[in-house]
């Protein structure tokens, strides 16, 4: 007797401010070996509420992203998802999880305590003598095997499983996260300053970089998300 496999829905939230096609295609590609996953791009609050997993993308300016999330009627559905199921925030979608951003003096969703601050790299030079440019655009390394100021090294987040520490990911940003609790920093990057390039709390995981633009290592991160059961 063949027992049908229950399909899980992954909702990519469409509130008008994310690189939806690239994100959705990357998650679909990551799900190819998982025949019980269905990826949908949706602007429906009910579909987001009913989904098993949620991806919150974001690009552009934080004030615009927060305003569009509210205007679209999706804010409450995203908050419901963040309280009940695995949620993956991408780029500005990561910044929105925090309490406040310096960009436009904007309130975030307040799901992870902390602030979003602008790079202040004026007058600083890179090792090759060139000046740091803001925004940071291009590939940079992400380290998850770091100390949180504690006596022991914390265990890496499950989403890093099988991914080499110090792998390269693609960034485009002028602002970066500063979580209030260092334990919520799940990945760190150096660009004139050491900053949290991935944050996590309970069933939430988010990255400042774009996994969908980061080749095999980005797909591996999405693949791990599809199997993550926090």
Protein backbone atom coordinates (compact mmCIF):
# COMPACT_ATOMS: atom_id res chain seq x y z
CA UNK A 1 0.00 0.00 0.00
CA UNK A 2 1.42 3.38 -1.01
CA UNK A 3 0.97 6.06 1.63
CA UNK A 4 0.93 9.56 0.10
CA UNK A 5 3.65 11.88 1.34
CA UNK A 6 2.34 15.06 2.89
CA UNK A 7 3.62 18.05 0.96
CA UNK A 8 5.06 20.99 2.87
CA UNK A 9 4.52 24.51 1.56
CA UNK A 10 7.32 27.08 1.65
CA UNK A 11 5.86 30.58 1.23
CA UNK A 12 8.08 33.31 -0.23
CA UNK A 13 6.40 36.51 0.98
CA UNK A 14 5.51 38.92 -1.84
CA UNK A 15 4.98 42.38 -0.38
CA UNK A 16 6.52 44.11 -3.41
CA UNK A 17 10.05 44.66 -2.08
CA UNK A 18 12.04 41.47 -2.59
CA UNK A 19 14.04 39.84 -5.35
CA UNK A 20 11.25 37.28 -5.48
CA UNK A 21 12.06 35.39 -8.66
CA UNK A 22 15.70 34.77 -7.71
CA UNK A 23 14.82 33.77 -4.15
CA UNK A 24 12.00 31.47 -5.23
CA UNK A 25 14.07 29.81 -7.96
CA UNK A 26 16.92 29.19 -5.52
CA UNK A 27 14.58 27.61 -2.95
CA UNK A 28 12.94 25.52 -5.69
CA UNK A 29 16.38 24.35 -6.82
CA UNK A 30 17.32 23.52 -3.23
CA UNK A 31 14.12 21.48 -2.93
CA UNK A 32 14.71 19.35 -6.05
CA UNK A 33 15.82 16.36 -4.02
CA UNK A 34 12.89 16.82 -1.61
CA UNK A 35 9.73 15.70 -3.37
CA UNK A 36 7.42 16.72 -0.52
CA UNK A 37 8.18 20.46 -0.72
CA UNK A 38 6.14 22.99 -2.72
CA UNK A 39 7.49 26.54 -3.06
CA UNK A 40 4.97 29.34 -3.64
CA UNK A 41 5.43 33.09 -4.09
CA UNK A 42 2.44 34.67 -2.42
CA UNK A 43 0.86 37.99 -1.46
CA UNK A 44 -1.91 36.18 0.46
CA UNK A 45 -1.82 36.52 4.26
CA UNK A 46 -3.75 33.25 4.56
CA UNK A 47 -1.23 31.32 2.45
CA UNK A 48 1.59 32.68 4.63
CA UNK A 49 -0.32 31.63 7.75
CA UNK A 50 -0.97 28.15 6.37
CA UNK A 51 2.56 27.54 5.05
CA UNK A 52 4.91 25.21 6.87
CA UNK A 53 7.93 27.45 6.30
CA UNK A 54 8.31 31.09 5.31
CA UNK A 55 11.01 33.06 3.49
CA UNK A 56 10.96 36.85 3.99
CA UNK A 57 13.07 38.56 1.31
CA UNK A 58 13.78 42.27 1.14
CA UNK A 59 15.76 44.75 -0.90
CA UNK A 60 15.92 48.51 -1.18
CA UNK A 61 15.41 50.86 1.76
CA UNK A 62 14.22 49.70 5.17
CA UNK A 63 11.51 52.42 5.49
CA UNK A 64 10.00 51.36 2.15
CA UNK A 65 10.09 47.68 3.07
CA UNK A 66 8.33 48.23 6.40
CA UNK A 67 5.74 50.53 4.80
CA UNK A 68 4.98 48.03 2.03
CA UNK A 69 4.74 45.13 4.46
CA UNK A 70 2.09 47.10 6.35
CA UNK A 71 0.30 48.32 3.20
CA UNK A 72 0.15 44.82 1.74
CA UNK A 73 -1.67 43.47 4.79
CA UNK A 74 1.07 40.87 5.32
CA UNK A 75 2.61 42.21 8.52
CA UNK A 76 0.38 40.23 10.90
CA UNK A 77 0.77 37.06 8.82
CA UNK A 78 4.57 37.40 9.00
CA UNK A 79 4.40 37.94 12.77
CA UNK A 80 2.19 34.86 13.06
CA UNK A 81 4.70 32.86 11.00
CA UNK A 82 7.59 34.11 13.12
CA UNK A 83 5.84 32.82 16.23
CA UNK A 84 4.87 29.41 14.88
CA UNK A 85 7.17 28.08 12.14
CA UNK A 86 10.68 28.26 10.61
CA UNK A 87 11.25 31.65 9.01
CA UNK A 88 14.25 32.72 6.88
CA UNK A 89 14.90 36.45 6.42
CA UNK A 90 17.07 37.68 3.54
CA UNK A 91 18.95 41.02 3.30
CA UNK A 92 16.51 43.76 4.36
CA UNK A 93 14.25 40.87 5.38
CA UNK A 94 16.88 40.20 8.05
CA UNK A 95 17.06 43.83 9.15
CA UNK A 96 13.28 43.94 9.51
CA UNK A 97 13.43 41.30 12.25
CA UNK A 98 15.28 43.68 14.57
CA UNK A 99 13.82 46.49 16.68
CA UNK A 100 15.02 49.60 14.87
CA UNK A 101 17.08 50.81 11.90
CA UNK A 102 19.06 54.02 11.55
CA UNK A 103 17.91 54.07 7.93
CA UNK A 104 15.05 56.56 8.03
CA UNK A 105 14.74 56.13 11.81
CA UNK A 106 12.52 53.11 11.14
CA UNK A 107 10.94 50.70 13.60
CA UNK A 108 11.36 47.01 12.75
CA UNK A 109 9.27 44.01 13.72
CA UNK A 110 11.04 43.64 17.07
CA UNK A 111 11.43 39.88 16.84
CA UNK A 112 15.13 39.92 17.74
CA UNK A 113 16.43 42.63 20.11
CA UNK A 114 18.93 44.93 18.44
CA UNK A 115 19.58 47.74 16.00
CA UNK A 116 20.48 48.17 12.34
CA UNK A 117 23.33 50.67 11.91
CA UNK A 118 25.11 52.23 8.95
CA UNK A 119 28.71 51.40 8.09
CA UNK A 120 30.95 54.20 9.33
CA UNK A 121 34.15 53.54 7.40
CA UNK A 122 35.17 57.04 6.34
CA UNK A 123 38.94 57.38 6.18
CA UNK A 124 39.58 53.65 6.62
CA UNK A 125 41.65 51.71 4.11
CA UNK A 126 41.57 48.05 3.14
CA UNK A 127 44.74 45.92 3.31
CA UNK A 128 45.49 46.73 -0.37
CA UNK A 129 45.35 50.45 0.37
CA UNK A 130 41.99 51.10 -1.28
CA UNK A 131 39.22 52.81 0.61
CA UNK A 132 36.25 50.89 1.94
CA UNK A 133 33.21 51.59 -0.20
CA UNK A 134 29.68 51.85 1.09
CA UNK A 135 27.57 50.00 0.16
CA UNK A 136 29.59 46.82 0.44
CA UNK A 137 29.01 45.06 -2.87
CA UNK A 138 30.50 41.69 -3.69
CA UNK A 139 31.73 38.49 -2.11
CA UNK A 140 32.85 38.24 1.48
CA UNK A 141 33.47 35.48 3.99
CA UNK A 142 31.04 34.40 6.69
CA UNK A 143 32.37 32.76 9.84
CA UNK A 144 30.18 30.77 12.18
CA UNK A 145 32.89 29.13 14.33
CA UNK A 146 33.49 32.17 16.52
CA UNK A 147 33.36 33.06 20.21
CA UNK A 148 30.42 34.95 21.71
CA UNK A 149 32.65 36.30 24.45
CA UNK A 150 32.00 33.11 26.39
CA UNK A 151 34.47 30.62 27.78
CA UNK A 152 33.44 27.97 25.26
CA UNK A 153 32.87 28.13 21.53
CA UNK A 154 29.12 27.86 20.81
CA UNK A 155 27.80 25.11 18.61
CA UNK A 156 27.20 26.29 15.02
CA UNK A 157 23.61 26.86 14.03
CA UNK A 158 22.05 23.80 12.34
CA UNK A 159 21.64 25.69 9.06
CA UNK A 160 25.45 25.68 8.65
CA UNK A 161 25.54 21.88 8.52
CA UNK A 162 27.92 20.68 5.80
CA UNK A 163 28.98 24.24 4.87
CA UNK A 164 32.67 25.08 5.42
CA UNK A 165 33.33 27.81 7.94
CA UNK A 166 34.52 30.96 6.20
CA UNK A 167 32.60 30.31 2.97
CA UNK A 168 32.01 33.24 0.62
CA UNK A 169 28.58 34.83 0.14
CA UNK A 170 27.34 37.77 -1.92
CA UNK A 171 26.54 41.08 -0.17
CA UNK A 172 24.92 44.36 -1.21
CA UNK A 173 24.29 46.63 1.79
CA UNK A 174 25.06 49.91 3.53
CA UNK A 175 23.59 48.94 6.91
CA UNK A 176 24.28 45.97 9.16
CA UNK A 177 22.72 44.28 12.17
CA UNK A 178 23.88 44.81 15.73
CA UNK A 179 21.93 42.31 17.88
CA UNK A 180 21.62 43.25 21.54
CA UNK A 181 22.50 39.71 22.61
CA UNK A 182 25.73 38.41 21.00
CA UNK A 183 24.29 34.89 21.21
CA UNK A 184 21.84 35.87 18.44
CA UNK A 185 24.73 36.39 16.00
CA UNK A 186 24.89 33.16 13.97
CA UNK A 187 27.53 34.31 11.48
CA UNK A 188 30.14 37.09 11.41
CA UNK A 189 31.85 39.01 8.60
CA UNK A 190 34.66 41.57 8.45
CA UNK A 191 34.26 44.73 6.36
CA UNK A 192 36.10 47.51 8.12
CA UNK A 193 34.30 46.34 11.24
CA UNK A 194 33.23 42.93 12.52
CA UNK A 195 29.46 42.60 12.12
CA UNK A 196 26.71 40.01 12.36
CA UNK A 197 26.00 38.79 8.84
CA UNK A 198 23.59 36.09 10.08
CA UNK A 199 21.29 36.22 13.07
CA UNK A 200 19.12 33.55 14.67
CA UNK A 201 16.71 33.10 17.53
CA UNK A 202 14.53 30.05 18.17
CA UNK A 203 12.74 29.33 14.85
CA UNK A 204 14.13 32.44 13.11
CA UNK A 205 17.24 32.54 10.91
CA UNK A 206 18.27 35.42 8.68
CA UNK A 207 21.22 36.59 6.59
CA UNK A 208 22.43 39.98 5.45
CA UNK A 209 23.92 38.37 2.35
CA UNK A 210 21.92 36.88 -0.53
CA UNK A 211 22.00 33.04 -0.52
CA UNK A 212 20.22 33.05 -3.89
CA UNK A 213 23.20 34.90 -5.41
CA UNK A 214 25.82 32.85 -3.59
CA UNK A 215 26.17 29.73 -5.73
CA UNK A 216 26.45 26.29 -4.13
CA UNK A 217 26.93 27.51 -0.56
CA UNK A 218 23.78 29.61 -0.77
CA UNK A 219 21.76 26.68 -2.08
CA UNK A 220 23.13 24.53 0.73
CA UNK A 221 21.83 27.05 3.26
CA UNK A 222 18.35 27.00 1.73
CA UNK A 223 18.48 23.19 1.56
CA UNK A 224 19.29 23.01 5.26
CA UNK A 225 16.39 25.38 5.97
CA UNK A 226 13.99 23.00 4.24
CA UNK A 227 15.00 20.23 6.66
CA UNK A 228 15.32 22.38 9.80
CA UNK A 229 12.98 21.54 12.66
CA UNK A 230 13.69 23.99 15.48
